[in-house]
């Protein structure tokens, strides 16, 4: 099933949108509600081969910005957040 709404967002392609669909994220609103940190960490916990680039891509998708243009200080904050993230 195509995830056309998510695929229309910057940085997200067929693979990442399929992964997101597998954790129940099908729309930009659902991604925003779940939060990029929760989505990223849930994918990681379920064994998907995620990298920090996906985290930056998710941030960029919600902020309409290419993943490689995410400011370095935001990348540092996201990296620190993911290292300390705990579910629940």
N, C-alpha and C. Protein backbone atom coordinates (compact mmCIF):
# COMPACT_ATOMS: atom_id res chain seq x y z
N UNK A 1 0.84 -1.18 0.00
CA UNK A 1 0.00 0.00 0.00
C UNK A 1 0.88 1.24 0.00
N UNK A 2 0.61 2.16 -0.87
CA UNK A 2 1.38 3.39 -0.96
C UNK A 2 1.04 4.30 0.21
N UNK A 3 2.04 4.99 0.69
CA UNK A 3 1.87 5.94 1.78
C UNK A 3 2.06 7.33 1.19
N UNK A 4 1.17 7.68 0.27
CA UNK A 4 1.38 8.87 -0.54
C UNK A 4 1.49 10.15 0.27
N UNK A 5 0.73 10.28 1.36
CA UNK A 5 0.83 11.51 2.14
C UNK A 5 2.22 11.65 2.75
N UNK A 6 2.72 10.58 3.36
CA UNK A 6 4.06 10.65 3.94
C UNK A 6 5.12 10.80 2.87
N UNK A 7 4.97 10.09 1.75
CA UNK A 7 5.95 10.19 0.68
C UNK A 7 6.00 11.57 0.07
N UNK A 8 4.94 12.34 0.24
CA UNK A 8 4.94 13.70 -0.30
C UNK A 8 5.75 14.65 0.59
N UNK A 9 6.08 14.20 1.81
CA UNK A 9 6.89 15.02 2.70
C UNK A 9 8.35 14.95 2.28
N UNK A 10 9.05 16.04 2.51
CA UNK A 10 10.46 16.10 2.22
C UNK A 10 11.20 15.01 3.00
N UNK A 11 12.16 14.37 2.38
CA UNK A 11 13.07 13.39 2.99
C UNK A 11 12.53 11.97 3.10
N UNK A 12 11.23 11.75 2.93
CA UNK A 12 10.68 10.42 3.14
C UNK A 12 10.37 9.74 1.82
N UNK A 13 10.87 8.53 1.69
CA UNK A 13 10.65 7.75 0.47
C UNK A 13 9.92 6.46 0.79
N UNK A 14 9.86 5.57 -0.19
CA UNK A 14 9.09 4.33 -0.02
C UNK A 14 9.53 3.47 1.17
N UNK A 15 10.83 3.35 1.38
CA UNK A 15 11.30 2.49 2.47
C UNK A 15 10.92 3.07 3.84
N UNK A 16 11.24 4.34 4.06
CA UNK A 16 10.95 4.92 5.37
C UNK A 16 9.45 5.03 5.62
N UNK A 17 8.66 5.30 4.59
CA UNK A 17 7.22 5.39 4.81
C UNK A 17 6.61 4.01 5.07
N UNK A 18 7.17 2.98 4.46
CA UNK A 18 6.70 1.62 4.75
C UNK A 18 7.02 1.26 6.20
N UNK A 19 8.23 1.59 6.64
CA UNK A 19 8.59 1.33 8.04
C UNK A 19 7.64 2.07 8.97
N UNK A 20 7.38 3.33 8.67
CA UNK A 20 6.48 4.12 9.51
C UNK A 20 5.07 3.53 9.52
N UNK A 21 4.60 3.09 8.35
CA UNK A 21 3.28 2.46 8.28
C UNK A 21 3.22 1.22 9.16
N UNK A 22 4.33 0.48 9.22
CA UNK A 22 4.37 -0.74 10.02
C UNK A 22 4.27 -0.46 11.52
N UNK A 23 4.52 0.78 11.94
CA UNK A 23 4.34 1.13 13.36
C UNK A 23 3.12 2.02 13.55
N UNK A 24 2.27 2.08 12.53
CA UNK A 24 1.00 2.79 12.65
C UNK A 24 1.00 4.26 12.29
N UNK A 25 2.06 4.70 11.60
CA UNK A 25 2.15 6.10 11.19
C UNK A 25 1.91 6.18 9.68
N UNK A 26 0.79 6.81 9.30
CA UNK A 26 0.41 6.89 7.90
C UNK A 26 0.28 8.33 7.39
N UNK A 27 0.27 9.29 8.32
CA UNK A 27 0.06 10.68 7.93
C UNK A 27 1.05 11.58 8.67
N UNK A 28 1.17 12.79 8.17
CA UNK A 28 2.02 13.78 8.84
C UNK A 28 1.50 14.04 10.25
N UNK A 29 0.19 14.11 10.40
CA UNK A 29 -0.40 14.35 11.72
C UNK A 29 -0.05 13.22 12.68
N UNK A 30 -0.13 11.98 12.22
CA UNK A 30 0.21 10.85 13.08
C UNK A 30 1.69 10.89 13.48
N UNK A 31 2.55 11.27 12.55
CA UNK A 31 3.97 11.40 12.86
C UNK A 31 4.18 12.49 13.90
N UNK A 32 3.51 13.60 13.71
CA UNK A 32 3.63 14.72 14.65
C UNK A 32 3.12 14.32 16.03
N UNK A 33 1.99 13.62 16.08
CA UNK A 33 1.41 13.19 17.36
C UNK A 33 2.28 12.18 18.07
N UNK A 34 2.84 11.21 17.32
CA UNK A 34 3.71 10.21 17.93
C UNK A 34 5.02 10.86 18.37
N UNK A 35 5.48 11.78 17.56
CA UNK A 35 6.77 12.42 17.82
C UNK A 35 7.88 11.69 17.09
N UNK A 36 8.81 12.46 16.56
CA UNK A 36 9.87 11.83 15.78
C UNK A 36 10.77 10.95 16.64
N UNK A 37 10.98 11.34 17.89
CA UNK A 37 11.84 10.54 18.77
C UNK A 37 11.20 9.19 19.05
N UNK A 38 9.91 9.19 19.37
CA UNK A 38 9.20 7.93 19.62
C UNK A 38 9.17 7.06 18.39
N UNK A 39 8.89 7.65 17.23
CA UNK A 39 8.84 6.88 15.99
C UNK A 39 10.21 6.27 15.70
N UNK A 40 11.26 7.07 15.79
CA UNK A 40 12.61 6.59 15.52
C UNK A 40 12.99 5.46 16.47
N UNK A 41 12.77 5.66 17.75
CA UNK A 41 13.16 4.66 18.75
C UNK A 41 12.32 3.39 18.64
N UNK A 42 11.05 3.53 18.29
CA UNK A 42 10.21 2.34 18.10
C UNK A 42 10.70 1.53 16.90
N UNK A 43 11.05 2.21 15.82
CA UNK A 43 11.61 1.52 14.65
C UNK A 43 12.90 0.80 15.04
N UNK A 44 13.75 1.49 15.77
CA UNK A 44 15.02 0.90 16.19
C UNK A 44 14.78 -0.31 17.08
N UNK A 45 13.85 -0.18 18.03
CA UNK A 45 13.55 -1.27 18.96
C UNK A 45 12.98 -2.49 18.23
N UNK A 46 12.31 -2.25 17.11
CA UNK A 46 11.73 -3.36 16.35
C UNK A 46 12.70 -3.94 15.33
N UNK A 47 13.93 -3.46 15.35
CA UNK A 47 14.97 -4.07 14.52
C UNK A 47 15.18 -3.47 13.15
N UNK A 48 14.52 -2.35 12.85
CA UNK A 48 14.75 -1.70 11.57
C UNK A 48 16.15 -1.08 11.56
N UNK A 49 16.84 -1.14 10.43
CA UNK A 49 18.21 -0.62 10.36
C UNK A 49 18.25 0.90 10.24
N UNK A 50 17.81 1.58 11.27
CA UNK A 50 17.73 3.04 11.25
C UNK A 50 19.10 3.64 11.58
N UNK A 51 19.30 4.85 11.09
CA UNK A 51 20.50 5.61 11.40
C UNK A 51 20.06 6.99 11.86
N UNK A 52 21.01 7.76 12.34
CA UNK A 52 20.67 9.13 12.74
C UNK A 52 20.16 9.94 11.56
N UNK A 53 20.56 9.58 10.35
CA UNK A 53 20.05 10.29 9.18
C UNK A 53 18.53 10.19 9.09
N UNK A 54 17.97 9.05 9.49
CA UNK A 54 16.51 8.93 9.49
C UNK A 54 15.90 9.88 10.52
N UNK A 55 16.53 9.98 11.67
CA UNK A 55 16.04 10.91 12.69
C UNK A 55 16.04 12.34 12.15
N UNK A 56 17.11 12.72 11.47
CA UNK A 56 17.20 14.05 10.89
C UNK A 56 16.17 14.21 9.76
N UNK A 57 15.94 13.13 9.01
CA UNK A 57 14.95 13.16 7.93
C UNK A 57 13.55 13.37 8.49
N UNK A 58 13.24 12.69 9.60
CA UNK A 58 11.93 12.86 10.22
C UNK A 58 11.75 14.28 10.73
N UNK A 59 12.79 14.82 11.34
CA UNK A 59 12.74 16.21 11.79
C UNK A 59 12.50 17.13 10.60
N UNK A 60 13.26 16.93 9.56
CA UNK A 60 13.13 17.75 8.36
C UNK A 60 11.76 17.61 7.72
N UNK A 61 11.20 16.40 7.75
CA UNK A 61 9.88 16.18 7.16
C UNK A 61 8.82 17.03 7.86
N UNK A 62 8.92 17.13 9.16
CA UNK A 62 7.94 17.92 9.91
C UNK A 62 8.22 19.42 9.86
N UNK A 63 9.44 19.79 9.49
CA UNK A 63 9.82 21.21 9.44
C UNK A 63 10.09 21.69 8.02
N UNK A 64 9.71 20.87 7.02
CA UNK A 64 9.86 21.21 5.61
C UNK A 64 11.29 21.67 5.29
N UNK A 65 12.24 20.81 5.65
CA UNK A 65 13.64 21.13 5.47
C UNK A 65 14.40 19.86 5.07
N UNK A 66 15.30 19.95 4.10
CA UNK A 66 16.11 18.77 3.76
C UNK A 66 16.88 18.28 5.00
N UNK A 67 17.01 16.97 5.12
CA UNK A 67 17.66 16.40 6.31
C UNK A 67 19.08 16.91 6.48
N UNK A 68 19.76 17.17 5.37
CA UNK A 68 21.15 17.62 5.46
C UNK A 68 21.28 19.12 5.69
N UNK A 69 20.15 19.80 5.84
CA UNK A 69 20.15 21.23 6.17
C UNK A 69 19.68 21.48 7.61
N UNK A 70 19.42 20.40 8.34
CA UNK A 70 19.06 20.55 9.75
C UNK A 70 20.28 21.16 10.44
N UNK A 71 20.09 22.25 11.18
CA UNK A 71 21.22 22.93 11.81
C UNK A 71 22.01 21.99 12.74
N UNK A 72 23.33 22.16 12.79
CA UNK A 72 24.16 21.29 13.63
C UNK A 72 23.73 21.24 15.09
N UNK A 73 23.27 22.37 15.63
CA UNK A 73 22.85 22.37 17.04
C UNK A 73 21.58 21.54 17.24
N UNK A 74 20.71 21.51 16.24
CA UNK A 74 19.50 20.68 16.32
C UNK A 74 19.90 19.21 16.21
N UNK A 75 20.83 18.90 15.31
CA UNK A 75 21.31 17.52 15.19
C UNK A 75 21.92 17.05 16.50
N UNK A 76 22.71 17.90 17.15
CA UNK A 76 23.32 17.54 18.44
C UNK A 76 22.24 17.27 19.49
N UNK A 77 21.23 18.13 19.51
CA UNK A 77 20.15 17.96 20.47
C UNK A 77 19.38 16.66 20.21
N UNK A 78 19.09 16.38 18.95
CA UNK A 78 18.38 15.14 18.60
C UNK A 78 19.22 13.92 18.98
N UNK A 79 20.51 13.98 18.70
CA UNK A 79 21.39 12.85 19.03
C UNK A 79 21.42 12.63 20.54
N UNK A 80 21.53 13.71 21.30
CA UNK A 80 21.52 13.59 22.77
C UNK A 80 20.19 13.04 23.26
N UNK A 81 19.10 13.52 22.67
CA UNK A 81 17.77 13.04 23.06
C UNK A 81 17.60 11.56 22.79
N UNK A 82 18.07 11.09 21.65
CA UNK A 82 17.90 9.68 21.32
C UNK A 82 18.75 8.80 22.24
N UNK A 83 19.90 9.29 22.65
CA UNK A 83 20.76 8.52 23.55
C UNK A 83 20.12 8.38 24.93
N UNK A 84 19.32 9.36 25.33
CA UNK A 84 18.68 9.31 26.65
C UNK A 84 17.21 8.91 26.61
N UNK A 85 16.70 8.54 25.43
CA UNK A 85 15.28 8.27 25.28
C UNK A 85 14.88 6.99 26.00
N UNK A 86 13.76 7.07 26.69
CA UNK A 86 13.15 5.91 27.32
C UNK A 86 11.66 5.91 26.99
N UNK A 87 11.14 4.76 26.61
CA UNK A 87 9.70 4.65 26.33
C UNK A 87 8.92 4.76 27.63
N UNK A 88 7.70 5.32 27.51
CA UNK A 88 6.77 5.27 28.58
C UNK A 88 6.80 6.37 29.55
